[in-house]
């Protein structure tokens, strides 16, 4: 009898310890993270969940890279974590960090092209913009790019953003053309033809 009672007691202790461990893990997973102030982390393309966990640990975003990796694997998120630049607010919990990476909640950057900016100056802005990749092969014609504020994310290419500027100018011209005074002697084929980029 004593042996049975001892086994029952040991089993109860193990269950209590296990339950306590599970509660501690969930508490660590859900409670505010260690960041005292916001921090940025760039997750490169092709990074594994282990790589991402290590980056987050180095940046101080998560207190336990191992627990983050285990949580990602348990939730089946290992192949769903997206590359990009992330801005984590102070105190972001591990659960919220994982959700941001799974949802691709990347930081959106902005590049403003003021009115009167030449094509050469636009290229300078693109070359200086952090996070953009690639080089521009040809200088766009003057007037081909719409002065505007453009959103982009880390890893976008300069050519893609330049193409968006050209398309925005084309769309703007189309809209203005439909609003023109029909009595004016304007040639649809000639309007702004030299101001467009080849697509």
N, C-alpha and C. Protein backbone atom coordinates (compact mmCIF):
# COMPACT_ATOMS: atom_id res chain seq x y z
N UNK A 1 0.83 -1.21 0.00
CA UNK A 1 0.00 0.00 0.00
C UNK A 1 0.86 1.26 0.00
N UNK A 2 1.90 1.17 0.85
CA UNK A 2 2.76 2.34 0.92
C UNK A 2 3.42 2.63 -0.42
N UNK A 3 3.79 1.54 -1.13
CA UNK A 3 4.43 1.71 -2.43
C UNK A 3 3.49 2.37 -3.42
N UNK A 4 2.24 1.93 -3.40
CA UNK A 4 1.23 2.52 -4.29
C UNK A 4 1.03 4.00 -3.95
N UNK A 5 0.94 4.29 -2.65
CA UNK A 5 0.75 5.68 -2.20
C UNK A 5 1.93 6.54 -2.63
N UNK A 6 3.14 5.96 -2.55
CA UNK A 6 4.35 6.70 -2.93
C UNK A 6 4.34 7.00 -4.44
N UNK A 7 3.91 6.00 -5.23
CA UNK A 7 3.85 6.20 -6.68
C UNK A 7 2.83 7.29 -7.02
N UNK A 8 1.68 7.22 -6.33
CA UNK A 8 0.64 8.23 -6.56
C UNK A 8 1.16 9.61 -6.20
N UNK A 9 1.88 9.70 -5.09
CA UNK A 9 2.42 10.99 -4.64
C UNK A 9 3.43 11.53 -5.65
N UNK A 10 4.32 10.66 -6.12
CA UNK A 10 5.33 11.09 -7.10
C UNK A 10 4.65 11.54 -8.39
N UNK A 11 3.64 10.78 -8.81
CA UNK A 11 2.91 11.15 -10.03
C UNK A 11 2.23 12.50 -9.87
N UNK A 12 1.66 12.74 -8.68
CA UNK A 12 1.00 14.01 -8.42
C UNK A 12 1.99 15.16 -8.46
N UNK A 13 3.17 14.92 -7.86
CA UNK A 13 4.21 15.96 -7.85
C UNK A 13 4.65 16.28 -9.28
N UNK A 14 4.85 15.21 -10.09
CA UNK A 14 5.26 15.40 -11.48
C UNK A 14 4.22 16.20 -12.24
N UNK A 15 2.95 15.90 -12.01
CA UNK A 15 1.88 16.61 -12.70
C UNK A 15 1.84 18.08 -12.29
N UNK A 16 2.05 18.33 -10.99
CA UNK A 16 2.05 19.71 -10.51
C UNK A 16 3.22 20.48 -11.13
N UNK A 17 4.40 19.84 -11.15
CA UNK A 17 5.58 20.49 -11.73
C UNK A 17 5.36 20.75 -13.22
N UNK A 18 4.81 19.75 -13.91
CA UNK A 18 4.56 19.90 -15.34
C UNK A 18 3.56 21.02 -15.60
N UNK A 19 2.47 21.03 -14.81
CA UNK A 19 1.46 22.09 -14.98
C UNK A 19 2.05 23.45 -14.69
N UNK A 20 2.92 23.49 -13.67
CA UNK A 20 3.58 24.77 -13.36
C UNK A 20 4.49 25.21 -14.48
N UNK A 21 5.20 24.24 -15.09
CA UNK A 21 6.08 24.57 -16.22
C UNK A 21 5.31 25.07 -17.41
N UNK A 22 4.19 24.42 -17.70
CA UNK A 22 3.35 24.85 -18.81
C UNK A 22 2.81 26.25 -18.56
N UNK A 23 2.36 26.51 -17.35
CA UNK A 23 1.85 27.83 -17.00
C UNK A 23 2.94 28.88 -17.13
N UNK A 24 4.16 28.53 -16.72
CA UNK A 24 5.28 29.48 -16.82
C UNK A 24 5.59 29.79 -18.28
N UNK A 25 5.57 28.75 -19.13
CA UNK A 25 5.85 28.95 -20.55
C UNK A 25 4.79 29.85 -21.18
N UNK A 26 3.51 29.57 -20.88
CA UNK A 26 2.44 30.39 -21.45
C UNK A 26 2.52 31.83 -20.93
N UNK A 27 2.91 31.98 -19.69
CA UNK A 27 3.05 33.32 -19.13
C UNK A 27 4.16 34.07 -19.85
N UNK A 28 5.28 33.39 -20.09
CA UNK A 28 6.40 34.00 -20.79
C UNK A 28 6.02 34.35 -22.22
N UNK A 29 5.19 33.50 -22.84
CA UNK A 29 4.78 33.68 -24.22
C UNK A 29 3.82 34.87 -24.37
N UNK A 30 2.97 35.07 -23.39
CA UNK A 30 1.93 36.10 -23.48
C UNK A 30 2.29 37.43 -22.81
N UNK A 31 3.22 37.40 -21.90
CA UNK A 31 3.49 38.63 -21.16
C UNK A 31 4.30 39.61 -22.01
N UNK A 32 4.34 40.91 -21.63
CA UNK A 32 5.11 41.90 -22.39
C UNK A 32 6.56 41.48 -22.54
N UNK A 33 7.10 41.71 -23.74
CA UNK A 33 8.47 41.34 -24.04
C UNK A 33 9.48 42.26 -23.40
N UNK A 34 10.78 41.96 -23.61
CA UNK A 34 11.84 42.70 -22.91
C UNK A 34 12.19 44.07 -23.49
N UNK A 35 11.63 44.41 -24.66
CA UNK A 35 12.01 45.68 -25.27
C UNK A 35 11.58 46.87 -24.40
N UNK A 36 12.53 47.74 -24.10
CA UNK A 36 12.23 48.95 -23.34
C UNK A 36 11.76 50.05 -24.28
N UNK A 37 12.28 50.05 -25.49
CA UNK A 37 11.84 50.99 -26.52
C UNK A 37 11.75 50.24 -27.84
N UNK A 38 11.05 50.83 -28.82
CA UNK A 38 10.85 50.16 -30.09
C UNK A 38 12.16 49.78 -30.76
N UNK A 39 12.10 48.73 -31.55
CA UNK A 39 13.30 48.24 -32.23
C UNK A 39 12.94 47.72 -33.60
N UNK A 40 13.88 47.84 -34.54
CA UNK A 40 13.69 47.35 -35.90
C UNK A 40 14.51 46.09 -36.12
N UNK A 41 13.92 45.15 -36.84
CA UNK A 41 14.62 43.92 -37.20
C UNK A 41 14.33 43.64 -38.67
N UNK A 42 15.38 43.35 -39.42
CA UNK A 42 15.23 43.00 -40.83
C UNK A 42 15.37 41.48 -40.95
N UNK A 43 14.30 40.85 -41.40
CA UNK A 43 14.30 39.40 -41.61
C UNK A 43 14.63 39.16 -43.08
N UNK A 44 15.79 38.58 -43.37
CA UNK A 44 16.18 38.38 -44.78
C UNK A 44 15.37 37.28 -45.45
N UNK A 45 15.29 37.35 -46.77
CA UNK A 45 14.59 36.31 -47.52
C UNK A 45 15.29 34.97 -47.33
N UNK A 46 14.52 33.94 -47.15
CA UNK A 46 15.07 32.60 -47.01
C UNK A 46 15.53 32.26 -45.61
N UNK A 47 15.32 33.17 -44.63
CA UNK A 47 15.75 32.90 -43.26
C UNK A 47 14.88 31.79 -42.66
N UNK A 48 15.52 30.86 -41.97
CA UNK A 48 14.79 29.78 -41.29
C UNK A 48 14.22 30.30 -39.99
N UNK A 49 13.33 29.52 -39.38
CA UNK A 49 12.76 29.94 -38.10
C UNK A 49 13.84 30.04 -37.04
N UNK A 50 14.86 29.20 -37.12
CA UNK A 50 15.97 29.28 -36.18
C UNK A 50 16.75 30.58 -36.37
N UNK A 51 16.97 30.96 -37.63
CA UNK A 51 17.66 32.22 -37.92
C UNK A 51 16.87 33.40 -37.39
N UNK A 52 15.55 33.37 -37.61
CA UNK A 52 14.69 34.47 -37.17
C UNK A 52 14.68 34.56 -35.65
N UNK A 53 14.58 33.42 -34.99
CA UNK A 53 14.58 33.41 -33.53
C UNK A 53 15.88 33.99 -32.99
N UNK A 54 16.99 33.64 -33.64
CA UNK A 54 18.29 34.17 -33.19
C UNK A 54 18.37 35.69 -33.40
N UNK A 55 17.88 36.18 -34.55
CA UNK A 55 17.88 37.62 -34.82
C UNK A 55 17.04 38.37 -33.78
N UNK A 56 15.88 37.82 -33.45
CA UNK A 56 15.00 38.45 -32.47
C UNK A 56 15.65 38.46 -31.09
N UNK A 57 16.36 37.40 -30.77
CA UNK A 57 17.06 37.35 -29.48
C UNK A 57 18.18 38.37 -29.41
N UNK A 58 18.96 38.48 -30.48
CA UNK A 58 20.07 39.45 -30.52
C UNK A 58 19.54 40.87 -30.39
N UNK A 59 18.40 41.14 -31.04
CA UNK A 59 17.82 42.48 -31.00
C UNK A 59 17.09 42.76 -29.69
N UNK A 60 16.95 41.74 -28.84
CA UNK A 60 16.27 41.93 -27.57
C UNK A 60 14.76 41.98 -27.68
N UNK A 61 14.23 41.48 -28.80
CA UNK A 61 12.79 41.50 -29.00
C UNK A 61 12.11 40.40 -28.20
N UNK A 62 12.76 39.23 -28.13
CA UNK A 62 12.23 38.11 -27.35
C UNK A 62 13.26 37.71 -26.30
N UNK A 63 12.78 37.25 -25.18
CA UNK A 63 13.68 36.88 -24.08
C UNK A 63 14.22 35.46 -24.26
N UNK A 64 13.52 34.63 -25.03
CA UNK A 64 13.95 33.25 -25.23
C UNK A 64 13.79 32.86 -26.69
N UNK A 65 14.86 32.93 -27.47
CA UNK A 65 14.78 32.49 -28.87
C UNK A 65 14.31 31.05 -29.01
N UNK A 66 14.72 30.19 -28.09
CA UNK A 66 14.32 28.78 -28.16
C UNK A 66 12.82 28.63 -28.00
N UNK A 67 12.24 29.36 -27.03
CA UNK A 67 10.80 29.29 -26.83
C UNK A 67 10.06 29.85 -28.04
N UNK A 68 10.59 30.92 -28.63
CA UNK A 68 9.95 31.48 -29.82
C UNK A 68 9.96 30.46 -30.95
N UNK A 69 11.10 29.80 -31.15
CA UNK A 69 11.19 28.79 -32.21
C UNK A 69 10.22 27.64 -31.96
N UNK A 70 10.15 27.18 -30.71
CA UNK A 70 9.23 26.09 -30.36
C UNK A 70 7.77 26.50 -30.60
N UNK A 71 7.45 27.74 -30.23
CA UNK A 71 6.07 28.23 -30.43
C UNK A 71 5.73 28.29 -31.91
N UNK A 72 6.68 28.77 -32.72
CA UNK A 72 6.45 28.85 -34.16
C UNK A 72 6.23 27.46 -34.76
N UNK A 73 7.01 26.50 -34.28
CA UNK A 73 6.87 25.13 -34.79
C UNK A 73 5.55 24.50 -34.32
N UNK A 74 5.18 24.73 -33.08
CA UNK A 74 3.94 24.16 -32.55
C UNK A 74 2.72 24.74 -33.26
N UNK A 75 2.80 26.01 -33.66
CA UNK A 75 1.67 26.65 -34.33
C UNK A 75 1.70 26.42 -35.84
N UNK A 76 2.71 25.71 -36.31
CA UNK A 76 2.81 25.43 -37.74
C UNK A 76 3.14 26.65 -38.57
N UNK A 77 3.89 27.59 -37.97
CA UNK A 77 4.18 28.85 -38.65
C UNK A 77 5.58 28.90 -39.25
N UNK A 78 6.31 27.80 -39.21
CA UNK A 78 7.72 27.84 -39.63
C UNK A 78 7.88 28.28 -41.07
N UNK A 79 6.95 27.88 -41.95
CA UNK A 79 7.07 28.25 -43.35
C UNK A 79 6.28 29.50 -43.69
N UNK A 80 5.63 30.09 -42.71
CA UNK A 80 4.75 31.23 -42.96
C UNK A 80 5.33 32.55 -42.48
N UNK A 81 6.51 32.52 -41.87
CA UNK A 81 7.11 33.75 -41.38
C UNK A 81 7.72 34.50 -42.55
N UNK A 82 7.33 35.74 -42.71
CA UNK A 82 7.67 36.49 -43.93
C UNK A 82 8.88 37.40 -43.72
N UNK A 83 9.64 37.53 -44.79
CA UNK A 83 10.81 38.41 -44.77
C UNK A 83 10.37 39.86 -44.81
N UNK A 84 11.27 40.75 -44.42
CA UNK A 84 10.97 42.18 -44.47
C UNK A 84 11.50 42.90 -43.25
N UNK A 85 11.18 44.18 -43.20
CA UNK A 85 11.60 45.03 -42.07
C UNK A 85 10.44 45.18 -41.10
N UNK A 86 10.70 44.87 -39.84
CA UNK A 86 9.66 44.94 -38.82
C UNK A 86 10.05 45.95 -37.76
N UNK A 87 9.04 46.70 -37.31
CA UNK A 87 9.22 47.64 -36.20
C UNK A 87 8.40 47.12 -35.02
N UNK A 88 9.09 46.67 -33.99
CA UNK A 88 8.41 46.12 -32.83
C UNK A 88 8.34 47.17 -31.73
N UNK A 89 7.14 47.53 -31.29
CA UNK A 89 6.99 48.49 -30.19
C UNK A 89 7.55 47.92 -28.89
N UNK A 90 7.83 48.81 -27.95
CA UNK A 90 8.31 48.38 -26.63
C UNK A 90 7.30 47.43 -26.00
N UNK A 91 7.83 46.37 -25.39
CA UNK A 91 6.98 45.44 -24.67
C UNK A 91 6.16 44.50 -25.52
N UNK A 92 6.45 44.38 -26.81
CA UNK A 92 5.69 43.47 -27.67
C UNK A 92 5.86 42.03 -27.17
N UNK A 93 4.75 41.36 -26.93
CA UNK A 93 4.82 39.99 -26.42
C UNK A 93 5.30 39.05 -27.51
N UNK A 94 5.79 37.88 -27.09
CA UNK A 94 6.26 36.89 -28.04
C UNK A 94 5.13 36.45 -28.97
N UNK A 95 3.93 36.34 -28.42
CA UNK A 95 2.77 35.96 -29.24
C UNK A 95 2.53 36.98 -30.34
N UNK A 96 2.61 38.28 -29.99
CA UNK A 96 2.37 39.33 -30.97
C UNK A 96 3.51 39.42 -31.99
N UNK A 97 4.73 39.14 -31.55
CA UNK A 97 5.87 39.13 -32.48
C UNK A 97 5.64 38.05 -33.54
N UNK A 98 5.24 36.87 -33.10
CA UNK A 98 5.00 35.77 -34.03
C UNK A 98 3.86 36.12 -34.98
N UNK A 99 2.81 36.75 -34.47
CA UNK A 99 1.67 37.13 -35.31
C UNK A 99 2.09 38.15 -36.37
N UNK A 100 2.93 39.12 -35.99
CA UNK A 100 3.40 40.12 -36.95
C UNK A 100 4.19 39.47 -38.07
N UNK A 101 5.06 38.54 -37.72
CA UNK A 101 5.87 37.86 -38.73
C UNK A 101 5.02 36.95 -39.62
N UNK A 102 4.02 36.33 -39.04
CA UNK A 102 3.15 35.44 -39.80
C UNK A 102 2.26 36.23 -40.75
N UNK A 103 1.80 37.42 -40.29
CA UNK A 103 0.89 38.24 -41.10
C UNK A 103 1.64 39.14 -42.07
N UNK A 104 2.97 39.18 -41.98
CA UNK A 104 3.74 40.07 -42.85
C UNK A 104 3.49 41.54 -42.54
N UNK A 105 3.33 41.85 -41.26
CA UNK A 105 3.05 43.23 -40.83
C UNK A 105 4.34 44.04 -40.84
N UNK A 106 4.85 44.26 -42.06
CA UNK A 106 6.15 44.93 -42.21
C UNK A 106 6.01 46.44 -42.10
N UNK A 107 7.13 47.07 -41.81
CA UNK A 107 7.18 48.54 -41.69
C UNK A 107 7.12 49.14 -43.09
N UNK A 108 6.25 50.12 -43.27
CA UNK A 108 6.08 50.79 -44.56
C UNK A 108 6.88 52.09 -44.57
N UNK A 109 7.80 52.19 -45.51
CA UNK A 109 8.60 53.41 -45.67
C UNK A 109 7.97 54.31 -46.72
N UNK A 110 8.39 55.56 -46.73
CA UNK A 110 7.83 56.54 -47.68
C UNK A 110 8.95 57.32 -48.35
N UNK A 111 8.77 57.55 -49.63
CA UNK A 111 9.70 58.37 -50.38
C UNK A 111 8.90 59.46 -51.09
N UNK A 112 9.25 60.72 -50.83
CA UNK A 112 8.51 61.85 -51.39
C UNK A 112 9.31 62.48 -52.54
N UNK A 113 8.63 62.63 -53.67
CA UNK A 113 9.20 63.32 -54.83
C UNK A 113 8.51 64.68 -54.92
N UNK A 114 9.20 65.75 -54.53
CA UNK A 114 8.58 67.08 -54.57
C UNK A 114 8.34 67.55 -56.00
N UNK A 115 7.40 68.47 -56.16
CA UNK A 115 7.17 69.05 -57.48
C UNK A 115 8.42 69.79 -57.94
N UNK A 116 8.68 69.71 -59.22
CA UNK A 116 9.85 70.38 -59.78
C UNK A 116 11.12 69.55 -59.72
N UNK A 117 11.01 68.33 -59.20
CA UNK A 117 12.19 67.47 -59.10
C UNK A 117 12.51 66.89 -60.47
N UNK A 118 13.76 67.00 -60.91
CA UNK A 118 14.16 66.46 -62.20
C UNK A 118 14.30 64.94 -62.11
N UNK A 119 14.34 64.31 -63.27
CA UNK A 119 14.50 62.85 -63.30
C UNK A 119 15.82 62.44 -62.66
N UNK A 120 16.84 63.22 -62.88
CA UNK A 120 18.14 62.90 -62.28
C UNK A 120 18.08 63.00 -60.76
N UNK A 121 17.35 63.98 -60.26
CA UNK A 121 17.19 64.12 -58.81
C UNK A 121 16.35 62.98 -58.24
N UNK A 122 15.37 62.50 -59.01
CA UNK A 122 14.57 61.36 -58.56
C UNK A 122 15.47 60.13 -58.40
N UNK A 123 16.37 59.93 -59.36
CA UNK A 123 17.29 58.81 -59.26
C UNK A 123 18.18 58.93 -58.03
N UNK A 124 18.58 60.14 -57.70
CA UNK A 124 19.38 60.36 -56.49
C UNK A 124 18.58 59.98 -55.25
N UNK A 125 17.29 60.37 -55.23
CA UNK A 125 16.43 60.01 -54.10
C UNK A 125 16.30 58.49 -53.97
N UNK A 126 16.14 57.84 -55.11
CA UNK A 126 16.01 56.38 -55.10
C UNK A 126 17.28 55.71 -54.62
N UNK A 127 18.42 56.23 -55.05
CA UNK A 127 19.70 55.63 -54.66
C UNK A 127 19.99 55.83 -53.17
N UNK A 128 19.45 56.92 -52.60
CA UNK A 128 19.70 57.21 -51.19
C UNK A 128 18.66 56.57 -50.27
N UNK A 129 17.55 56.11 -50.84
CA UNK A 129 16.47 55.55 -50.02
C UNK A 129 16.90 54.22 -49.41
N UNK A 130 16.85 54.09 -48.08
CA UNK A 130 17.24 52.83 -47.44
C UNK A 130 16.28 51.70 -47.76
N UNK A 131 16.84 50.52 -48.01
CA UNK A 131 16.01 49.34 -48.20
C UNK A 131 15.68 49.01 -49.64
N UNK A 132 15.88 49.96 -50.56
CA UNK A 132 15.60 49.66 -51.97
C UNK A 132 16.77 48.90 -52.58
N UNK A 133 16.46 48.02 -53.53
CA UNK A 133 17.49 47.19 -54.14
C UNK A 133 17.55 47.42 -55.65
N UNK A 134 18.68 47.04 -56.24
CA UNK A 134 18.83 47.11 -57.70
C UNK A 134 19.27 48.47 -58.18
N UNK A 135 19.62 48.52 -59.45
CA UNK A 135 20.05 49.76 -60.08
C UNK A 135 19.12 50.10 -61.23
N UNK A 136 19.06 51.38 -61.55
CA UNK A 136 18.23 51.85 -62.66
C UNK A 136 19.09 51.95 -63.91
N UNK A 137 18.66 51.28 -64.97
CA UNK A 137 19.48 51.20 -66.18
C UNK A 137 19.45 52.49 -66.99
N UNK A 138 18.28 53.14 -67.09
CA UNK A 138 18.15 54.31 -67.95
C UNK A 138 17.50 55.48 -67.20
N UNK A 139 17.93 56.67 -67.55
CA UNK A 139 17.37 57.88 -66.94
C UNK A 139 16.01 58.16 -67.57
N UNK A 140 14.95 58.27 -66.78
CA UNK A 140 13.62 58.55 -67.34
C UNK A 140 13.57 59.93 -67.99
N UNK A 141 12.69 60.08 -68.96
CA UNK A 141 12.51 61.38 -69.59
C UNK A 141 11.95 62.37 -68.59
N UNK A 142 12.28 63.65 -68.78
CA UNK A 142 11.76 64.69 -67.89
C UNK A 142 10.23 64.74 -68.00
N UNK A 143 9.58 64.84 -66.86
CA UNK A 143 8.13 64.90 -66.83
C UNK A 143 7.45 63.55 -66.86
N UNK A 144 8.23 62.47 -66.86
CA UNK A 144 7.64 61.13 -66.94
C UNK A 144 7.20 60.61 -65.58
N UNK A 145 7.62 61.27 -64.50
CA UNK A 145 7.37 60.75 -63.16
C UNK A 145 6.50 61.72 -62.37
N UNK A 146 5.48 61.18 -61.72
CA UNK A 146 4.54 62.03 -60.98
C UNK A 146 5.12 62.40 -59.62
N UNK A 147 5.20 63.71 -59.32
CA UNK A 147 5.63 64.14 -57.98
C UNK A 147 4.59 63.70 -56.95
N UNK A 148 4.98 62.89 -56.01
CA UNK A 148 4.03 62.31 -55.06
C UNK A 148 4.81 61.63 -53.95
N UNK A 149 4.12 61.21 -52.89
CA UNK A 149 4.73 60.40 -51.84
C UNK A 149 4.38 58.94 -52.10
N UNK A 150 5.40 58.10 -52.17
CA UNK A 150 5.21 56.69 -52.50
C UNK A 150 5.59 55.80 -51.32
N UNK A 151 4.75 54.81 -51.05
CA UNK A 151 5.05 53.84 -50.01
C UNK A 151 5.87 52.69 -50.60
N UNK A 152 6.78 52.18 -49.81
CA UNK A 152 7.52 50.99 -50.23
C UNK A 152 7.98 50.24 -48.99
N UNK A 153 8.40 49.01 -49.19
CA UNK A 153 8.90 48.21 -48.08
C UNK A 153 10.31 47.73 -48.39
N UNK A 154 11.02 47.34 -47.35
CA UNK A 154 12.39 46.88 -47.47
C UNK A 154 12.47 45.72 -48.46
N UNK A 155 13.39 45.85 -49.42
CA UNK A 155 13.56 44.80 -50.42
C UNK A 155 12.90 45.10 -51.74
N UNK A 156 12.03 46.14 -51.80
CA UNK A 156 11.47 46.56 -53.09
C UNK A 156 12.62 47.04 -53.98
N UNK A 157 12.42 47.00 -55.30
CA UNK A 157 13.47 47.43 -56.21
C UNK A 157 13.25 48.87 -56.67
N UNK A 158 14.33 49.50 -57.01
CA UNK A 158 14.26 50.88 -57.51
C UNK A 158 13.48 50.93 -58.82
N UNK A 159 13.69 49.93 -59.67
CA UNK A 159 12.98 49.91 -60.96
C UNK A 159 11.47 49.78 -60.76
N UNK A 160 11.04 48.98 -59.79
CA UNK A 160 9.61 48.83 -59.53
C UNK A 160 9.00 50.15 -59.05
N UNK A 161 9.71 50.83 -58.16
CA UNK A 161 9.20 52.10 -57.66
C UNK A 161 9.18 53.15 -58.76
N UNK A 162 10.20 53.12 -59.61
CA UNK A 162 10.26 54.04 -60.74
C UNK A 162 9.10 53.77 -61.71
N UNK A 163 8.79 52.51 -61.91
CA UNK A 163 7.68 52.14 -62.78
C UNK A 163 6.35 52.62 -62.20
N UNK A 164 6.21 52.54 -60.89
CA UNK A 164 5.00 53.04 -60.24
C UNK A 164 4.86 54.54 -60.43
N UNK A 165 5.98 55.26 -60.38
CA UNK A 165 5.96 56.71 -60.59
C UNK A 165 5.51 57.04 -62.01
N UNK A 166 6.00 56.26 -62.97
CA UNK A 166 5.62 56.46 -64.37
C UNK A 166 4.14 56.14 -64.59
N UNK A 167 3.69 55.04 -64.00
CA UNK A 167 2.28 54.66 -64.14
C UNK A 167 1.36 55.68 -63.48
N UNK A 168 1.82 56.23 -62.36
CA UNK A 168 1.03 57.26 -61.68
C UNK A 168 0.90 58.50 -62.55
N UNK A 169 1.97 58.86 -63.26
CA UNK A 169 1.92 60.00 -64.16
C UNK A 169 0.96 59.72 -65.31
N UNK A 170 1.03 58.51 -65.87
CA UNK A 170 0.13 58.15 -66.97
C UNK A 170 -1.33 58.20 -66.53
N UNK A 171 -1.60 57.68 -65.35
CA UNK A 171 -2.98 57.68 -64.83
C UNK A 171 -3.46 59.10 -64.59
N UNK A 172 -2.55 59.95 -64.08
CA UNK A 172 -2.91 61.34 -63.83
C UNK A 172 -3.22 62.06 -65.13
N UNK A 173 -2.42 61.80 -66.16
CA UNK A 173 -2.66 62.43 -67.46
C UNK A 173 -3.99 61.96 -68.05
N UNK A 174 -4.29 60.67 -67.91
CA UNK A 174 -5.55 60.14 -68.41
C UNK A 174 -6.73 60.83 -67.74
N UNK A 175 -6.63 60.99 -66.41
CA UNK A 175 -7.72 61.62 -65.67
C UNK A 175 -7.89 63.08 -66.07
N UNK A 176 -6.76 63.79 -66.21
CA UNK A 176 -6.82 65.20 -66.60
C UNK A 176 -7.36 65.34 -68.02
N UNK A 177 -7.03 64.38 -68.89
CA UNK A 177 -7.48 64.46 -70.28
C UNK A 177 -9.00 64.37 -70.36
N UNK A 178 -9.59 63.51 -69.53
CA UNK A 178 -11.05 63.37 -69.56
C UNK A 178 -11.75 64.61 -69.00
N UNK A 179 -11.02 65.41 -68.24
CA UNK A 179 -11.61 66.61 -67.63
C UNK A 179 -11.31 67.87 -68.43
N UNK A 180 -10.65 67.72 -69.60
CA UNK A 180 -10.22 68.88 -70.38
C UNK A 180 -11.42 69.59 -71.01
N UNK A 181 -11.22 70.79 -71.46
CA UNK A 181 -12.21 71.52 -72.24
C UNK A 181 -12.17 70.96 -73.66
N UNK A 182 -13.24 70.28 -74.07
CA UNK A 182 -13.27 69.61 -75.38
C UNK A 182 -13.12 70.58 -76.54
N UNK A 183 -13.35 71.87 -76.30
CA UNK A 183 -13.26 72.84 -77.40
C UNK A 183 -11.81 73.23 -77.70
N UNK A 184 -10.88 72.87 -76.79
CA UNK A 184 -9.48 73.22 -77.01
C UNK A 184 -8.87 72.32 -78.07
N UNK A 185 -8.02 72.87 -78.95
CA UNK A 185 -7.40 72.08 -80.04
C UNK A 185 -6.21 71.27 -79.53
N UNK A 186 -6.50 70.22 -78.77
CA UNK A 186 -5.43 69.38 -78.22
C UNK A 186 -5.44 68.02 -78.92
N UNK A 187 -4.26 67.48 -79.10
CA UNK A 187 -4.11 66.19 -79.77
C UNK A 187 -3.89 65.11 -78.73
N UNK A 188 -4.81 64.15 -78.65
CA UNK A 188 -4.71 63.07 -77.67
C UNK A 188 -3.43 62.27 -77.85
N UNK A 189 -3.06 61.99 -79.09
CA UNK A 189 -1.89 61.15 -79.35
C UNK A 189 -0.60 61.84 -78.96
N UNK A 190 -0.61 63.17 -79.03
CA UNK A 190 0.62 63.90 -78.78
C UNK A 190 0.82 64.26 -77.33
N UNK A 191 -0.26 64.23 -76.51
CA UNK A 191 -0.15 64.72 -75.15
C UNK A 191 0.81 63.85 -74.34
N UNK A 192 1.79 64.45 -73.79
CA UNK A 192 2.67 63.78 -72.85
C UNK A 192 3.36 62.54 -73.37
N UNK A 193 3.42 62.35 -74.70
CA UNK A 193 3.97 61.11 -75.22
C UNK A 193 5.43 60.95 -74.85
N UNK A 194 6.12 62.07 -74.84
CA UNK A 194 7.55 62.00 -74.54
C UNK A 194 7.83 61.91 -73.05
N UNK A 195 6.78 61.97 -72.24
CA UNK A 195 7.00 61.99 -70.80
C UNK A 195 6.78 60.64 -70.15
N UNK A 196 6.66 59.57 -70.98
CA UNK A 196 6.37 58.25 -70.40
C UNK A 196 7.57 57.32 -70.53
N UNK A 197 7.64 56.45 -69.57
CA UNK A 197 8.67 55.42 -69.63
C UNK A 197 8.16 54.23 -70.42
N UNK A 198 9.03 53.57 -71.10
CA UNK A 198 8.66 52.32 -71.78
C UNK A 198 8.31 51.29 -70.71
N UNK A 199 7.24 50.55 -70.92
CA UNK A 199 6.85 49.52 -69.97
C UNK A 199 6.89 48.16 -70.62
